[in-house]
Amino acid sequence: MGRRLWALLVKEFIQMRRDRVTFGIMVALPVAQLIIFGFAINTEVKHLATLVFDQSRSAESREMRDAFVATGYFDVLREVESFSEIEKGLQSGAASVGIVFPPDFAPRLQRRQGAPLQVVVDASDSMSAGSAISAAQMLGMVKGQELMARWGMTPMTVYDLRLRAWYNPDFVSPFYMVPGTLGMILTMTMVMITAAALVREREQGTMEQLVVTPVRPLEIMLGKVLPYVIVGYIQLSLGLAVGVVFFDVPVRGSLTLLYLLTLPFIAANLFLGILISTVARTQMQATQMSFFTFLPSILLSGFVFPREAMPEIFFQFSRILPLTYFLRIARGIMLKGAGWDALGGDARALGVLIAIFATVSLMVFRRRAE
């Protein structure tokens, strides 16, 4: 029995070595998981993009502005000239925090009165908003105590900190999670099902029958993609209905715009699935490779953990994930009422990903067909 069992073990290891793709995924997947969880996942969100509207333009306001930056939680992108610029920045996702100093900020401090200071945060990302609010409250208390000690006064409210959480002021979890879950479902089904279905056709020999017909490779790819576009829209509609009916998730923006901008997201995932299918040789390989792309999409796109808390290398890597842009589109339209002006950049980024995935897929497909 021992010799027979040993022979079977040797045979399985030889087979595993021959299937290099599967073996590589088995080795790389746990390594990738450990690296992502160890380095990229961080619940302490710092370096939040911040806009400052300083109407005081005084030494006192500059000192307070520098104190915000010194905490490490706020990175000032620039100073703006109007409150509407803060609104646009938060709506587009270009900024997460807005700080407003009123014109009488310095005079009130000089008269040793409470100085009002407004901090506006984008609460569509509840984790980032929570970090910003906590850091601002702590800073206001510490700086106030410093001034009271300098003035030799009894405790009082030096900084009248007025915190405003926009878009999800009550921090309702479904408001934050449902738009992301829609993108997650579309990513999972579009990539995995497309990749596995195309590899199954190759295993059954039907793909070779299509290749020898007068149909061009691009037409074959489009013929495989378009039916899943309809499936994706059905999933989106069902998900929206569940979110609105059961969780009272708002849709403050244009539903038409959401459907239009979902198209490049679906297409990007479908072409990513086609790219995987051109590399994978079996359905198992296609499923494993799809999962290998699905895991970073969930962890690095901002679906659960804010991208601002990630190291720079993972932040830049997240730019090649379609889900990164769809999250901003879905949350922007549903929670913020954002329009094309705020979301056009994300749509164009998805268009670039479509071009890259489609071009590489077509090149590999043609090489395989020849």
Protein backbone atom coordinates (compact mmCIF):
# COMPACT_ATOMS: atom_id res chain seq x y z
CA MET A 1 0.00 0.00 0.00
CA GLY A 2 2.81 2.41 0.86
CA ARG A 3 4.47 2.10 -2.54
CA ARG A 4 1.18 2.57 -4.38
CA LEU A 5 0.30 5.63 -2.31
CA TRP A 6 3.77 7.06 -2.88
CA ALA A 7 3.42 6.52 -6.61
CA LEU A 8 0.10 8.38 -6.62
CA LEU A 9 1.61 11.28 -4.67
CA VAL A 10 4.52 11.53 -7.10
CA LYS A 11 2.10 11.43 -10.01
CA GLU A 12 0.00 14.29 -8.56
CA PHE A 13 3.05 16.47 -7.94
CA ILE A 14 4.25 15.86 -11.51
CA GLN A 15 0.81 16.82 -12.80
CA MET A 16 0.84 19.92 -10.60
CA ARG A 17 4.25 20.92 -11.95
CA ARG A 18 3.01 20.57 -15.52
CA ASP A 19 0.03 22.83 -14.81
CA ARG A 20 2.20 25.87 -14.18
CA VAL A 21 -0.61 28.41 -14.23
CA THR A 22 -2.58 26.69 -11.47
CA PHE A 23 0.56 26.06 -9.43
CA GLY A 24 1.59 29.70 -9.80
CA ILE A 25 -1.81 30.91 -8.63
CA MET A 26 -1.71 28.54 -5.65
CA VAL A 27 1.61 30.02 -4.58
CA ALA A 28 0.92 33.65 -5.49
CA LEU A 29 -2.59 33.96 -4.02
CA PRO A 30 -1.69 33.51 -0.33
CA VAL A 31 1.38 35.72 -0.78
CA ALA A 32 -0.74 38.44 -2.37
CA GLN A 33 -3.33 38.17 0.40
CA LEU A 34 -0.71 38.53 3.11
CA ILE A 35 0.90 41.50 1.40
CA ILE A 36 -2.41 43.27 0.85
CA PHE A 37 -3.69 42.68 4.37
CA GLY A 38 -0.32 43.44 5.93
CA PHE A 39 0.56 46.61 4.06
CA ALA A 40 -2.48 48.01 2.25
CA ILE A 41 -5.28 47.52 4.77
CA ASN A 42 -5.27 50.25 7.38
CA THR A 43 -8.35 51.43 9.27
CA GLU A 44 -6.58 54.56 10.54
CA VAL A 45 -7.25 56.96 7.69
CA LYS A 46 -4.77 59.80 7.30
CA HIS A 47 -3.70 62.24 4.59
CA LEU A 48 -7.24 63.18 3.61
CA ALA A 49 -7.40 65.53 0.64
CA THR A 50 -8.46 68.91 2.04
CA LEU A 51 -9.57 72.24 0.59
CA VAL A 52 -9.27 75.46 2.62
CA PHE A 53 -11.43 78.57 2.19
CA ASP A 54 -9.63 81.19 4.27
CA GLN A 55 -11.67 84.39 4.43
CA SER A 56 -9.64 85.66 7.38
CA ARG A 57 -6.19 85.54 5.73
CA SER A 58 -4.54 86.21 9.04
CA ALA A 59 -1.65 84.82 11.06
CA GLU A 60 -4.17 83.10 13.33
CA SER A 61 -5.91 81.29 10.48
CA ARG A 62 -2.57 80.25 8.93
CA GLU A 63 -1.44 78.89 12.28
CA MET A 64 -4.62 76.84 12.62
CA ARG A 65 -4.32 75.65 9.02
CA ASP A 66 -0.76 74.45 9.69
CA ALA A 67 -1.98 72.72 12.85
CA PHE A 68 -4.50 70.73 10.78
CA VAL A 69 -1.71 69.63 8.42
CA ALA A 70 0.62 68.76 11.32
CA THR A 71 -1.85 66.16 12.63
CA GLY A 72 -1.15 64.02 9.57
CA TYR A 73 -4.85 63.56 8.90
CA PHE A 74 -5.29 66.50 6.53
CA ASP A 75 -3.33 67.18 3.33
CA VAL A 76 -4.23 70.63 1.98
CA LEU A 77 -4.55 70.41 -1.79
CA ARG A 78 -5.03 74.14 -2.27
CA GLU A 79 -6.79 77.22 -0.98
CA VAL A 80 -10.02 78.04 -2.79
CA GLU A 81 -11.75 81.35 -3.38
CA SER A 82 -15.35 80.36 -2.66
CA PHE A 83 -17.43 77.86 -0.73
CA SER A 84 -18.83 76.52 -4.01
CA GLU A 85 -15.37 75.20 -4.89
CA ILE A 86 -15.43 73.13 -1.71
CA GLU A 87 -18.86 71.82 -2.70
CA LYS A 88 -17.57 70.82 -6.14
CA GLY A 89 -14.44 69.21 -4.69
CA LEU A 90 -16.38 67.07 -2.23
CA GLN A 91 -19.02 66.15 -4.81
CA SER A 92 -16.46 64.98 -7.38
CA GLY A 93 -14.42 63.07 -4.81
CA ALA A 94 -11.34 65.22 -5.48
CA ALA A 95 -11.38 66.21 -1.79
CA SER A 96 -12.71 64.62 1.39
CA VAL A 97 -12.61 67.62 3.74
CA GLY A 98 -13.28 71.33 3.48
CA ILE A 99 -12.11 73.86 6.12
CA VAL A 100 -13.70 77.31 6.23
CA PHE A 101 -12.27 80.25 8.19
CA PRO A 102 -14.80 83.14 8.49
CA PRO A 103 -13.72 86.79 8.05
CA ASP A 104 -13.95 87.50 11.81
CA PHE A 105 -11.83 84.50 12.84
CA ALA A 106 -8.76 86.53 13.91
CA PRO A 107 -10.61 89.51 15.49
CA ARG A 108 -12.64 87.20 17.71
CA LEU A 109 -9.50 85.41 18.89
CA GLN A 110 -7.80 88.74 19.55
CA ARG A 111 -10.79 89.77 21.69
CA ARG A 112 -10.51 86.35 23.41
CA GLN A 113 -13.91 85.26 22.22
CA GLY A 114 -14.97 81.97 20.69
CA ALA A 115 -13.83 81.85 17.06
CA PRO A 116 -16.10 79.92 14.68
CA LEU A 117 -14.48 77.39 12.36
CA GLN A 118 -16.35 75.13 9.94
CA VAL A 119 -15.14 71.67 8.91
CA VAL A 120 -17.13 69.92 6.17
CA VAL A 121 -16.48 66.21 5.52
CA ASP A 122 -17.65 63.83 2.83
CA ALA A 123 -19.57 61.24 4.84
CA SER A 124 -20.30 59.04 1.82
CA ASP A 125 -17.09 57.30 2.99
CA SER A 126 -17.96 56.79 6.64
CA MET A 127 -14.53 55.57 7.75
CA SER A 128 -12.70 58.58 6.30
CA ALA A 129 -15.34 60.95 7.64
CA GLY A 130 -15.09 59.46 11.12
CA SER A 131 -11.31 59.90 11.16
CA ALA A 132 -11.60 63.50 9.95
CA ILE A 133 -14.22 64.44 12.55
CA SER A 134 -12.32 62.82 15.42
CA ALA A 135 -9.05 64.48 14.40
CA ALA A 136 -10.70 67.89 14.03
CA GLN A 137 -12.40 67.64 17.42
CA MET A 138 -9.16 66.65 19.14
CA LEU A 139 -7.24 69.43 17.41
CA GLY A 140 -9.81 72.04 18.41
CA MET A 141 -9.64 70.92 22.05
CA VAL A 142 -5.81 70.83 22.20
CA LYS A 143 -5.32 74.18 20.45
CA GLY A 144 -8.00 75.73 22.66
CA GLN A 145 -6.25 74.54 25.79
CA GLU A 146 -2.98 75.98 24.53
CA LEU A 147 -4.55 79.40 24.03
CA MET A 148 -6.30 79.33 27.41
CA ALA A 149 -3.00 78.51 29.10
CA ARG A 150 -1.32 81.36 27.21
CA TRP A 151 -4.05 83.81 28.19
CA GLY A 152 -4.20 82.58 31.78
CA MET A 153 -7.95 82.13 31.54
CA THR A 154 -10.39 79.64 32.97
CA PRO A 155 -11.61 76.91 30.56
CA MET A 156 -13.82 78.17 27.77
CA THR A 157 -14.67 77.30 24.18
CA VAL A 158 -11.93 78.99 22.17
CA TYR A 159 -12.69 77.39 18.82
CA ASP A 160 -16.37 77.09 17.96
CA LEU A 161 -15.84 74.03 15.79
CA ARG A 162 -18.82 73.47 13.51
CA LEU A 163 -18.66 70.02 11.99
CA ARG A 164 -20.82 69.18 8.98
CA ALA A 165 -21.10 65.64 7.60
CA TRP A 166 -22.46 65.77 4.07
CA TYR A 167 -24.26 63.16 1.97
CA ASN A 168 -24.64 60.65 4.82
CA PRO A 169 -24.86 62.72 8.02
CA ASP A 170 -26.21 59.85 10.14
CA PHE A 171 -23.49 57.45 8.94
CA VAL A 172 -26.03 54.87 7.80
CA SER A 173 -24.02 51.81 6.77
CA PRO A 174 -26.30 50.63 3.90
CA PHE A 175 -25.97 54.06 2.24
CA TYR A 176 -22.24 53.46 2.05
CA MET A 177 -22.27 49.71 1.35
CA VAL A 178 -25.09 49.25 -1.18
CA PRO A 179 -23.51 51.26 -4.06
CA GLY A 180 -20.25 49.40 -3.48
CA THR A 181 -22.01 46.05 -3.34
CA LEU A 182 -23.59 46.74 -6.74
CA GLY A 183 -20.11 47.21 -8.20
CA MET A 184 -18.79 44.14 -6.42
CA ILE A 185 -21.59 41.94 -7.80
CA LEU A 186 -21.07 43.22 -11.33
CA THR A 187 -17.32 42.69 -11.08
CA MET A 188 -17.68 39.15 -9.81
CA THR A 189 -20.25 38.03 -12.36
CA MET A 190 -18.90 39.85 -15.40
CA VAL A 191 -15.29 38.73 -14.96
CA MET A 192 -15.78 35.21 -13.64
CA ILE A 193 -18.71 34.13 -15.78
CA THR A 194 -17.27 35.58 -18.99
CA ALA A 195 -13.83 34.02 -18.47
CA ALA A 196 -15.24 30.59 -17.53
CA ALA A 197 -17.81 30.58 -20.36
CA LEU A 198 -15.24 31.34 -23.06
CA VAL A 199 -12.79 28.74 -21.77
CA ARG A 200 -15.63 26.18 -21.65
CA GLU A 201 -16.35 26.83 -25.33
CA ARG A 202 -12.69 26.30 -26.14
CA GLU A 203 -12.67 23.02 -24.22
CA GLN A 204 -15.80 21.87 -26.07
CA GLY A 205 -14.33 22.85 -29.44
CA THR A 206 -17.02 25.38 -30.36
CA MET A 207 -14.55 28.26 -30.26
CA GLU A 208 -12.40 26.63 -32.95
CA GLN A 209 -15.51 26.25 -35.11
CA LEU A 210 -16.11 30.00 -34.83
CA VAL A 211 -12.49 30.81 -35.63
CA VAL A 212 -12.58 28.96 -38.98
CA THR A 213 -15.73 30.84 -40.04
CA PRO A 214 -15.55 34.20 -41.88
CA VAL A 215 -16.39 35.95 -38.56
CA ARG A 216 -13.55 38.25 -37.47
CA PRO A 217 -11.93 37.98 -34.02
CA LEU A 218 -13.29 41.40 -33.00
CA GLU A 219 -16.80 40.35 -34.02
CA ILE A 220 -16.45 37.14 -32.00
CA MET A 221 -15.40 39.14 -28.95
CA LEU A 222 -18.29 41.58 -29.31
CA GLY A 223 -20.74 38.73 -29.83
CA LYS A 224 -19.56 37.20 -26.57
CA VAL A 225 -19.66 40.50 -24.68
CA LEU A 226 -23.01 42.04 -25.62
CA PRO A 227 -25.33 39.40 -24.07
CA TYR A 228 -23.58 39.87 -20.72
CA VAL A 229 -24.12 43.62 -20.93
CA ILE A 230 -27.86 42.95 -20.75
CA VAL A 231 -27.30 40.57 -17.83
CA GLY A 232 -25.29 43.27 -16.06
CA TYR A 233 -28.07 45.83 -16.43
CA ILE A 234 -30.59 43.33 -15.05
CA GLN A 235 -28.36 42.81 -12.02
CA LEU A 236 -27.96 46.56 -11.57
CA SER A 237 -31.72 47.12 -11.71
CA LEU A 238 -32.44 44.34 -9.22
CA GLY A 239 -29.72 45.60 -6.87
CA LEU A 240 -31.03 49.17 -7.00
CA ALA A 241 -34.56 47.99 -6.31
CA VAL A 242 -33.44 45.98 -3.27
CA GLY A 243 -31.34 48.87 -1.97
CA VAL A 244 -34.14 51.42 -2.31
CA VAL A 245 -37.00 49.22 -1.07
CA PHE A 246 -35.31 47.39 1.81
CA PHE A 247 -32.59 49.82 2.92
CA ASP A 248 -34.04 53.21 1.88
CA VAL A 249 -30.85 54.05 0.00
CA PRO A 250 -31.36 57.40 -1.76
CA VAL A 251 -30.80 58.06 -5.44
CA ARG A 252 -30.22 61.82 -5.39
CA GLY A 253 -28.77 62.11 -8.88
CA SER A 254 -29.83 61.11 -12.36
CA LEU A 255 -30.74 57.45 -12.70
CA THR A 256 -30.22 57.78 -16.46
CA LEU A 257 -26.65 58.96 -15.90
CA LEU A 258 -26.01 56.02 -13.57
CA TYR A 259 -27.16 53.57 -16.23
CA LEU A 260 -25.08 55.30 -18.91
CA LEU A 261 -21.91 55.33 -16.83
CA THR A 262 -22.43 51.71 -15.78
CA LEU A 263 -21.92 50.65 -19.40
CA PRO A 264 -18.15 51.37 -19.53
CA PHE A 265 -17.76 49.67 -16.15
CA ILE A 266 -19.51 46.52 -17.37
CA ALA A 267 -17.53 46.60 -20.62
CA ALA A 268 -14.21 46.98 -18.77
CA ASN A 269 -14.96 43.93 -16.61
CA LEU A 270 -16.11 41.90 -19.60
CA PHE A 271 -12.95 42.61 -21.54
CA LEU A 272 -10.94 41.77 -18.42
CA GLY A 273 -12.79 38.44 -18.35
CA ILE A 274 -12.00 37.90 -22.03
CA LEU A 275 -8.34 38.68 -21.33
CA ILE A 276 -8.30 36.04 -18.61
CA SER A 277 -9.99 33.53 -20.91
CA THR A 278 -7.31 34.02 -23.57
CA VAL A 279 -4.61 33.10 -21.04
CA ALA A 280 -6.37 30.33 -19.08
CA ARG A 281 -6.45 26.82 -20.54
CA THR A 282 -9.11 25.27 -18.30
CA GLN A 283 -12.22 26.48 -16.52
CA MET A 284 -10.51 25.92 -13.17
CA GLN A 285 -7.65 28.18 -14.21
CA ALA A 286 -10.10 30.81 -15.43
CA THR A 287 -11.96 30.74 -12.10
CA GLN A 288 -8.73 30.94 -10.11
CA MET A 289 -7.39 33.83 -12.19
CA SER A 290 -10.72 35.64 -11.91
CA PHE A 291 -10.60 35.31 -8.15
CA PHE A 292 -7.03 36.59 -8.24
CA THR A 293 -8.31 39.82 -9.82
CA PHE A 294 -11.49 39.88 -7.73
CA LEU A 295 -9.71 39.97 -4.36
CA PRO A 296 -7.66 43.14 -5.06
CA SER A 297 -10.78 44.79 -6.48
CA ILE A 298 -12.59 44.30 -3.18
CA LEU A 299 -9.70 45.28 -0.92
CA LEU A 300 -7.97 48.07 -2.88
CA SER A 301 -10.77 49.87 -4.72
CA GLY A 302 -12.17 51.66 -1.67
CA PHE A 303 -15.14 49.33 -1.31
CA VAL A 304 -14.33 48.51 2.33
CA PHE A 305 -11.10 50.28 3.21
CA PRO A 306 -10.37 53.89 2.17
CA ARG A 307 -7.71 54.26 -0.51
CA GLU A 308 -6.26 57.28 1.30
CA ALA A 309 -5.00 54.97 4.07
CA MET A 310 -3.05 52.74 1.65
CA PRO A 311 0.67 53.00 0.81
CA GLU A 312 1.40 54.83 -2.42
CA ILE A 313 2.21 51.69 -4.43
CA PHE A 314 -1.19 50.13 -3.64
CA PHE A 315 -2.96 53.46 -4.18
CA GLN A 316 -1.50 53.65 -7.69
CA PHE A 317 -2.25 49.97 -8.37
CA SER A 318 -5.91 50.59 -7.56
CA ARG A 319 -6.08 52.87 -10.63
CA ILE A 320 -6.13 49.83 -12.93
CA LEU A 321 -9.16 48.35 -11.15
CA PRO A 322 -12.51 49.22 -12.81
CA LEU A 323 -14.31 48.99 -9.47
CA THR A 324 -12.29 51.97 -8.16
CA TYR A 325 -13.99 54.29 -10.64
CA PHE A 326 -17.45 52.75 -10.46
CA LEU A 327 -17.53 53.24 -6.69
CA ARG A 328 -17.05 56.97 -7.15
CA ILE A 329 -19.67 56.99 -9.90
CA ALA A 330 -22.29 55.03 -7.94
CA ARG A 331 -21.76 56.82 -4.64
CA GLY A 332 -21.48 60.15 -6.41
CA ILE A 333 -24.82 59.80 -8.19
CA MET A 334 -26.75 58.00 -5.46
CA LEU A 335 -25.52 59.86 -2.37
CA LYS A 336 -24.24 63.20 -3.69
CA GLY A 337 -26.43 63.88 -6.70
CA ALA A 338 -23.28 64.37 -8.80
CA GLY A 339 -23.48 64.95 -12.54
CA TRP A 340 -21.23 64.51 -15.55
CA ASP A 341 -19.00 67.44 -14.56
CA ALA A 342 -18.00 65.65 -11.37
CA LEU A 343 -17.86 62.10 -12.76
CA GLY A 344 -16.62 62.57 -16.32
CA GLY A 345 -13.02 61.85 -15.30
CA ASP A 346 -13.98 58.45 -13.88
CA ALA A 347 -15.90 57.59 -17.05
CA ARG A 348 -12.90 58.52 -19.20
CA ALA A 349 -10.63 56.39 -16.99
CA LEU A 350 -12.92 53.40 -17.56
CA GLY A 351 -12.72 54.08 -21.29
CA VAL A 352 -8.93 53.87 -21.11
CA LEU A 353 -9.14 50.54 -19.26
CA ILE A 354 -11.55 49.21 -21.89
CA ALA A 355 -9.10 50.13 -24.65
CA ILE A 356 -6.20 48.47 -22.83
CA PHE A 357 -8.04 45.25 -21.94
CA ALA A 358 -9.64 44.95 -25.40
CA THR A 359 -6.38 45.57 -27.26
CA VAL A 360 -4.39 43.05 -25.24
CA SER A 361 -7.21 40.49 -25.43
CA LEU A 362 -7.48 40.88 -29.19
CA MET A 363 -3.72 40.49 -29.65
CA VAL A 364 -3.59 37.31 -27.56
CA PHE A 365 -6.73 35.94 -29.21
CA ARG A 366 -5.34 36.46 -32.71
CA ARG A 367 -2.07 34.81 -31.72
CA ARG A 368 -3.97 31.82 -30.36
CA ALA A 369 -6.17 31.68 -33.45
CA GLU A 370 -3.16 31.57 -35.74
